[in-house]
Protein backbone atom coordinates (compact mmCIF):
# COMPACT_ATOMS: atom_id res chain seq x y z
CA MET A 1 0.04 -0.15 0.07
CA SER A 2 1.15 3.44 -0.93
CA THR A 3 1.40 6.40 1.35
CA LYS A 4 -1.09 9.16 0.05
CA ALA A 5 0.64 12.75 0.13
CA ALA A 6 -0.32 15.96 -1.37
CA PHE A 7 1.48 19.07 -2.72
CA ILE A 8 -0.56 22.30 -2.61
CA PHE A 9 0.54 25.25 -4.55
CA ILE A 10 -0.75 28.52 -4.77
CA ALA A 11 -1.01 31.45 -7.43
CA PRO A 12 -3.95 33.96 -8.03
CA GLU A 13 -5.68 32.36 -11.37
CA ASN A 14 -5.91 28.58 -9.79
CA ASP A 15 -8.71 26.74 -9.56
CA PRO A 16 -8.64 23.33 -7.80
CA ASP A 17 -11.30 21.86 -10.02
CA GLN A 18 -9.18 22.59 -13.06
CA HIS A 19 -5.55 22.60 -11.77
CA SER A 20 -5.09 19.16 -10.01
CA ALA A 21 -3.50 15.98 -10.50
CA VAL A 22 -2.79 12.69 -9.12
CA ILE A 23 0.67 10.83 -9.75
CA ASP A 24 0.36 7.00 -8.60
CA SER A 25 3.81 6.04 -8.20
CA PRO A 26 4.69 2.40 -6.43
CA VAL A 27 5.37 4.02 -3.09
CA ILE A 28 3.47 7.40 -3.16
CA GLU A 29 0.33 8.57 -4.28
CA LEU A 30 0.78 12.22 -4.89
CA SER A 31 -2.13 14.73 -5.23
CA VAL A 32 -1.07 17.98 -6.58
CA VAL A 33 -3.62 20.75 -6.25
CA GLY A 34 -3.60 24.64 -7.14
CA VAL A 35 -5.43 27.22 -5.06
CA LYS A 36 -5.79 30.67 -5.44
CA ASN A 37 -5.76 32.17 -1.75
CA TYR A 38 -5.38 30.60 1.85
CA ASP A 39 -8.96 30.21 2.40
CA GLU A 40 -9.42 27.85 -0.34
CA ALA A 41 -6.23 26.11 0.56
CA GLU A 42 -7.55 25.44 4.01
CA ASN A 43 -10.73 23.97 2.21
CA VAL A 44 -8.56 21.85 0.12
CA ALA A 45 -6.40 20.53 2.89
CA LEU A 46 -9.30 19.38 4.60
CA ASN A 47 -11.08 17.64 1.80
CA LEU A 48 -7.41 15.60 1.41
CA VAL A 49 -7.17 14.68 4.60
CA ALA A 50 -10.77 13.25 4.39
CA ASP A 51 -9.56 11.31 1.42
CA GLY A 52 -6.81 9.77 3.51
CA ILE A 53 -3.96 12.12 2.79
CA THR A 54 -1.29 11.68 5.60
CA ALA A 55 1.06 14.15 4.54
CA ILE A 56 0.69 17.75 2.86
CA GLU A 57 3.64 19.73 1.50
CA LEU A 58 3.05 23.25 0.72
CA CYS A 59 4.85 25.13 -2.21
CA ALA A 60 6.98 28.32 -1.61
CA GLY A 61 4.02 30.77 -1.94
CA PHE A 62 2.74 29.89 1.23
CA GLY A 63 4.23 32.29 3.85
CA SER A 64 4.72 31.45 7.51
CA GLU A 65 1.06 32.47 8.05
CA GLY A 66 -0.51 30.42 5.29
CA THR A 67 1.69 27.32 6.64
CA SER A 68 0.14 27.80 9.98
CA ARG A 69 -3.30 28.17 8.69
CA ILE A 70 -2.92 24.81 6.96
CA ALA A 71 -1.37 23.32 9.80
CA ARG A 72 -4.12 24.56 12.07
CA ALA A 73 -6.83 23.26 9.66
CA VAL A 74 -5.89 19.59 9.41
CA LYS A 75 -5.29 19.41 13.29
CA GLY A 76 -3.02 16.78 13.31
CA LYS A 77 -4.50 14.63 10.95
CA ALA A 78 -1.62 15.12 8.15
CA VAL A 79 1.90 16.42 8.58
CA VAL A 80 2.47 19.75 7.18
CA GLY A 81 5.52 20.58 5.42
CA VAL A 82 6.98 23.30 3.03
CA VAL A 83 9.27 24.52 0.61
CA ARG A 84 10.74 27.62 1.64
CA PHE A 85 11.71 30.65 -0.76
CA ASP A 86 11.41 33.62 1.78
CA LEU A 87 10.32 35.62 -1.22
CA HIS A 88 8.76 33.99 -4.19
CA PRO A 89 10.31 34.62 -7.32
CA ALA A 90 6.99 34.02 -9.24
CA PHE A 91 5.20 36.40 -7.21
CA ASP A 92 7.72 39.29 -7.59
CA HIS A 93 9.78 38.24 -4.72
CA GLN A 94 6.74 38.81 -2.22
CA SER A 95 5.55 36.44 0.49
CA GLY A 96 2.47 34.84 -0.05
CA ASP A 97 1.59 36.27 3.44
CA GLU A 98 1.62 39.56 1.74
CA LEU A 99 -0.50 38.49 -0.78
CA PHE A 100 -3.01 35.94 0.06
């Protein structure tokens, strides 16, 4: 049985219904989902956990506040990790905390 994990990426034009995929490898079933803001990310994270996801990695667009929001939302039902850029190159070198 493979581990169910997820990667959530954030950008203003994302739509989780359109910008998502599942990659099923022998060891990890990885769900990749794009969201447009922190509120949407919280809802997506809760749905992922309800579907059996036990690990969530957040893209570097999530600042410290966004990461904390996702960790609080899942309430220990999944571990939450984050890729880090203090200032994201795709967001004009700003933190997601300034944008979302």
